[in-house]
């Protein structure tokens, strides 16, 4: 299973999102520290989940970082997050 597939699977299982995008942005970081030639080191995740309702942004991010702790300790060098509760503001398209 690819790193992106693992991220999708873990977040889906833990948060049952209504929307989930896992975007591999590794190609933007070629030659940078932490980048591997095979990619899958830098990701942007957009996740819309009811679980985020009433949570502050930092709490949402900590929740996601906890779910993906193994990936962040290993193959993932950078992870940017857009965490949204249903009905809230703008999301990446």
N, C-alpha and C. Protein backbone atom coordinates (compact mmCIF):
# COMPACT_ATOMS: atom_id res chain seq x y z
N UNK A 1 0.85 -1.18 0.00
CA UNK A 1 0.00 0.00 0.00
C UNK A 1 0.90 1.24 0.00
N UNK A 2 0.55 2.20 -0.82
CA UNK A 2 1.33 3.44 -0.89
C UNK A 2 1.11 4.27 0.37
N UNK A 3 1.98 5.24 0.59
CA UNK A 3 1.84 6.12 1.75
C UNK A 3 0.51 6.89 1.65
N UNK A 4 0.18 7.39 0.48
CA UNK A 4 -1.08 8.12 0.29
C UNK A 4 -2.28 7.23 0.61
N UNK A 5 -2.25 5.98 0.18
CA UNK A 5 -3.34 5.05 0.46
C UNK A 5 -3.44 4.76 1.95
N UNK A 6 -2.30 4.65 2.62
CA UNK A 6 -2.30 4.42 4.07
C UNK A 6 -2.90 5.61 4.79
N UNK A 7 -2.53 6.82 4.38
CA UNK A 7 -3.09 8.04 4.98
C UNK A 7 -4.61 8.06 4.80
N UNK A 8 -5.07 7.79 3.58
CA UNK A 8 -6.51 7.77 3.30
C UNK A 8 -7.22 6.75 4.16
N UNK A 9 -6.66 5.56 4.24
CA UNK A 9 -7.27 4.48 5.00
C UNK A 9 -7.38 4.83 6.48
N UNK A 10 -6.29 5.30 7.06
CA UNK A 10 -6.30 5.63 8.49
C UNK A 10 -7.27 6.76 8.82
N UNK A 11 -7.27 7.80 8.00
CA UNK A 11 -8.17 8.92 8.27
C UNK A 11 -9.63 8.53 8.05
N UNK A 12 -9.89 7.71 7.06
CA UNK A 12 -11.25 7.25 6.81
C UNK A 12 -11.75 6.39 7.97
N UNK A 13 -10.92 5.48 8.42
CA UNK A 13 -11.31 4.60 9.53
C UNK A 13 -11.54 5.38 10.82
N UNK A 14 -10.69 6.36 11.10
CA UNK A 14 -10.75 7.09 12.36
C UNK A 14 -11.80 8.21 12.39
N UNK A 15 -12.02 8.85 11.23
CA UNK A 15 -12.85 10.07 11.23
C UNK A 15 -14.09 10.01 10.35
N UNK A 16 -14.23 8.99 9.54
CA UNK A 16 -15.38 8.86 8.63
C UNK A 16 -15.70 10.19 7.94
N UNK A 17 -14.74 10.75 7.21
CA UNK A 17 -14.95 12.07 6.60
C UNK A 17 -15.98 12.04 5.47
N UNK A 18 -16.63 13.18 5.28
CA UNK A 18 -17.54 13.32 4.14
C UNK A 18 -16.76 13.73 2.90
N UNK A 19 -15.58 14.26 3.10
CA UNK A 19 -14.67 14.60 2.00
C UNK A 19 -13.25 14.37 2.48
N UNK A 20 -12.42 13.80 1.60
CA UNK A 20 -11.02 13.57 1.93
C UNK A 20 -10.20 13.63 0.65
N UNK A 21 -9.23 14.53 0.65
CA UNK A 21 -8.27 14.63 -0.45
C UNK A 21 -6.88 14.47 0.14
N UNK A 22 -6.11 13.57 -0.41
CA UNK A 22 -4.71 13.39 -0.01
C UNK A 22 -3.89 13.69 -1.26
N UNK A 23 -3.21 14.82 -1.23
CA UNK A 23 -2.50 15.31 -2.41
C UNK A 23 -1.00 15.19 -2.18
N UNK A 24 -0.34 14.40 -3.01
CA UNK A 24 1.11 14.22 -2.91
C UNK A 24 1.77 15.42 -3.59
N UNK A 25 2.43 16.24 -2.79
CA UNK A 25 3.12 17.43 -3.30
C UNK A 25 4.63 17.26 -3.30
N UNK A 26 5.08 16.02 -3.25
CA UNK A 26 6.51 15.73 -3.17
C UNK A 26 7.29 16.31 -4.34
N UNK A 27 6.67 16.33 -5.52
CA UNK A 27 7.36 16.84 -6.71
C UNK A 27 7.77 18.30 -6.55
N UNK A 28 7.09 19.05 -5.69
CA UNK A 28 7.41 20.46 -5.45
C UNK A 28 8.65 20.62 -4.55
N UNK A 29 9.10 19.52 -3.97
CA UNK A 29 10.18 19.58 -2.98
C UNK A 29 11.42 18.79 -3.39
N UNK A 30 11.53 18.45 -4.66
CA UNK A 30 12.71 17.71 -5.14
C UNK A 30 13.99 18.44 -4.76
N UNK A 31 14.93 17.70 -4.21
CA UNK A 31 16.21 18.27 -3.82
C UNK A 31 16.21 18.90 -2.44
N UNK A 32 15.05 19.03 -1.82
CA UNK A 32 14.96 19.59 -0.48
C UNK A 32 15.23 18.52 0.57
N UNK A 33 15.59 18.96 1.75
CA UNK A 33 15.81 18.03 2.87
C UNK A 33 14.53 17.23 3.11
N UNK A 34 14.67 15.94 3.29
CA UNK A 34 13.54 15.08 3.58
C UNK A 34 12.85 14.50 2.36
N UNK A 35 13.17 15.03 1.19
CA UNK A 35 12.55 14.52 -0.04
C UNK A 35 13.29 13.27 -0.50
N UNK A 36 12.52 12.28 -0.91
CA UNK A 36 13.09 11.04 -1.47
C UNK A 36 12.82 11.02 -2.97
N UNK A 37 13.70 10.43 -3.74
CA UNK A 37 13.50 10.37 -5.19
C UNK A 37 12.18 9.71 -5.59
N UNK A 38 11.74 8.72 -4.82
CA UNK A 38 10.50 8.01 -5.15
C UNK A 38 9.24 8.78 -4.73
N UNK A 39 9.41 9.91 -4.05
CA UNK A 39 8.27 10.74 -3.66
C UNK A 39 7.58 10.26 -2.41
N UNK A 40 6.34 10.65 -2.26
CA UNK A 40 5.51 10.32 -1.09
C UNK A 40 6.15 10.76 0.23
N UNK A 41 6.63 11.99 0.24
CA UNK A 41 7.22 12.56 1.45
C UNK A 41 6.50 13.83 1.90
N UNK A 42 5.86 14.52 0.99
CA UNK A 42 5.20 15.79 1.28
C UNK A 42 3.74 15.71 0.81
N UNK A 43 2.82 15.92 1.75
CA UNK A 43 1.40 15.79 1.43
C UNK A 43 0.61 16.99 1.91
N UNK A 44 -0.47 17.27 1.19
CA UNK A 44 -1.49 18.24 1.63
C UNK A 44 -2.78 17.44 1.76
N UNK A 45 -3.41 17.55 2.92
CA UNK A 45 -4.65 16.80 3.17
C UNK A 45 -5.78 17.79 3.44
N UNK A 46 -6.87 17.59 2.73
CA UNK A 46 -8.10 18.33 2.97
C UNK A 46 -9.09 17.31 3.50
N UNK A 47 -9.62 17.57 4.70
CA UNK A 47 -10.54 16.61 5.30
C UNK A 47 -11.72 17.34 5.93
N UNK A 48 -12.91 16.90 5.57
CA UNK A 48 -14.14 17.44 6.13
C UNK A 48 -14.77 16.32 6.95
N UNK A 49 -14.91 16.57 8.26
CA UNK A 49 -15.44 15.54 9.14
C UNK A 49 -16.28 16.15 10.25
N UNK A 50 -17.38 15.51 10.54
CA UNK A 50 -18.27 15.94 11.61
C UNK A 50 -17.52 16.00 12.95
N UNK A 51 -16.56 15.13 13.11
CA UNK A 51 -15.77 15.07 14.36
C UNK A 51 -15.09 16.41 14.68
N UNK A 52 -14.84 17.23 13.68
CA UNK A 52 -14.16 18.51 13.89
C UNK A 52 -15.10 19.61 14.42
N UNK A 53 -16.40 19.37 14.39
CA UNK A 53 -17.35 20.39 14.85
C UNK A 53 -17.04 20.77 16.30
N UNK A 54 -16.93 22.07 16.53
CA UNK A 54 -16.68 22.58 17.87
C UNK A 54 -15.23 22.54 18.31
N UNK A 55 -14.35 22.03 17.47
CA UNK A 55 -12.93 21.94 17.81
C UNK A 55 -12.17 23.12 17.21
N UNK A 56 -11.19 23.61 17.94
CA UNK A 56 -10.30 24.64 17.43
C UNK A 56 -9.36 24.01 16.39
N UNK A 57 -8.81 24.84 15.52
CA UNK A 57 -7.93 24.36 14.45
C UNK A 57 -6.77 23.53 14.98
N UNK A 58 -6.12 23.99 16.04
CA UNK A 58 -4.96 23.27 16.58
C UNK A 58 -5.37 21.89 17.11
N UNK A 59 -6.53 21.80 17.75
CA UNK A 59 -7.01 20.51 18.26
C UNK A 59 -7.30 19.55 17.10
N UNK A 60 -7.85 20.08 16.02
CA UNK A 60 -8.11 19.25 14.84
C UNK A 60 -6.81 18.70 14.27
N UNK A 61 -5.82 19.59 14.16
CA UNK A 61 -4.54 19.17 13.61
C UNK A 61 -3.86 18.14 14.50
N UNK A 62 -3.90 18.35 15.80
CA UNK A 62 -3.31 17.37 16.72
C UNK A 62 -3.97 16.01 16.60
N UNK A 63 -5.28 16.01 16.42
CA UNK A 63 -6.01 14.77 16.24
C UNK A 63 -5.50 14.02 15.00
N UNK A 64 -5.38 14.74 13.89
CA UNK A 64 -4.91 14.12 12.64
C UNK A 64 -3.46 13.67 12.79
N UNK A 65 -2.62 14.50 13.39
CA UNK A 65 -1.21 14.12 13.59
C UNK A 65 -1.12 12.86 14.45
N UNK A 66 -1.97 12.73 15.43
CA UNK A 66 -1.98 11.52 16.26
C UNK A 66 -2.36 10.28 15.47
N UNK A 67 -3.35 10.42 14.61
CA UNK A 67 -3.78 9.29 13.77
C UNK A 67 -2.66 8.86 12.83
N UNK A 68 -1.89 9.83 12.35
CA UNK A 68 -0.83 9.56 11.37
C UNK A 68 0.57 9.56 11.99
N UNK A 69 0.67 9.31 13.28
CA UNK A 69 1.96 9.38 13.99
C UNK A 69 3.01 8.47 13.37
N UNK A 70 2.65 7.26 12.99
CA UNK A 70 3.64 6.34 12.40
C UNK A 70 4.18 6.87 11.08
N UNK A 71 3.30 7.43 10.26
CA UNK A 71 3.73 7.97 8.98
C UNK A 71 4.62 9.20 9.17
N UNK A 72 4.28 10.04 10.13
CA UNK A 72 5.07 11.25 10.40
C UNK A 72 6.43 10.90 11.00
N UNK A 73 6.52 9.77 11.66
CA UNK A 73 7.80 9.32 12.23
C UNK A 73 8.66 8.63 11.18
N UNK A 74 8.07 8.31 10.04
CA UNK A 74 8.80 7.56 9.02
C UNK A 74 8.83 8.24 7.68
N UNK A 75 7.99 7.78 6.76
CA UNK A 75 8.13 8.23 5.37
C UNK A 75 7.67 9.66 5.09
N UNK A 76 6.78 10.23 5.91
CA UNK A 76 6.25 11.56 5.63
C UNK A 76 7.12 12.62 6.29
N UNK A 77 7.67 13.50 5.47
CA UNK A 77 8.53 14.57 5.96
C UNK A 77 7.71 15.82 6.30
N UNK A 78 6.67 16.09 5.50
CA UNK A 78 5.86 17.29 5.71
C UNK A 78 4.40 16.98 5.40
N UNK A 79 3.53 17.53 6.25
CA UNK A 79 2.09 17.32 6.09
C UNK A 79 1.39 18.64 6.37
N UNK A 80 0.72 19.19 5.36
CA UNK A 80 -0.09 20.38 5.59
C UNK A 80 -1.55 19.94 5.62
N UNK A 81 -2.31 20.59 6.49
CA UNK A 81 -3.68 20.15 6.72
C UNK A 81 -4.68 21.27 6.52
N UNK A 82 -5.82 20.91 5.97
CA UNK A 82 -6.99 21.76 5.95
C UNK A 82 -8.10 20.93 6.56
N UNK A 83 -8.42 21.21 7.82
CA UNK A 83 -9.42 20.44 8.56
C UNK A 83 -10.67 21.27 8.72
N UNK A 84 -11.80 20.73 8.27
CA UNK A 84 -13.04 21.49 8.20
C UNK A 84 -14.19 20.64 8.72
N UNK A 85 -15.07 21.27 9.49
CA UNK A 85 -16.33 20.63 9.87
C UNK A 85 -17.35 20.91 8.78
N UNK A 86 -18.32 20.02 8.55
CA UNK A 86 -19.34 20.27 7.53
C UNK A 86 -20.01 21.63 7.75
N UNK A 87 -20.20 22.37 6.67
CA UNK A 87 -20.85 23.66 6.74
C UNK A 87 -19.93 24.82 7.02
N UNK A 88 -18.66 24.54 7.29
CA UNK A 88 -17.70 25.61 7.54
C UNK A 88 -17.11 26.10 6.23
N UNK A 89 -16.49 27.25 6.28
CA UNK A 89 -15.79 27.96 5.22
C UNK A 89 -15.20 27.20 4.08
N UNK A 90 -14.25 27.85 3.48
CA UNK A 90 -13.61 27.48 2.23
C UNK A 90 -12.75 26.22 2.35
N UNK A 91 -12.78 25.42 1.30
CA UNK A 91 -11.93 24.24 1.19
C UNK A 91 -11.14 24.31 -0.09
N UNK A 92 -9.99 23.63 -0.10
CA UNK A 92 -9.20 23.54 -1.34
C UNK A 92 -9.97 22.72 -2.35
N UNK A 93 -9.84 23.03 -3.59
CA UNK A 93 -10.58 22.30 -4.62
C UNK A 93 -9.68 21.49 -5.37
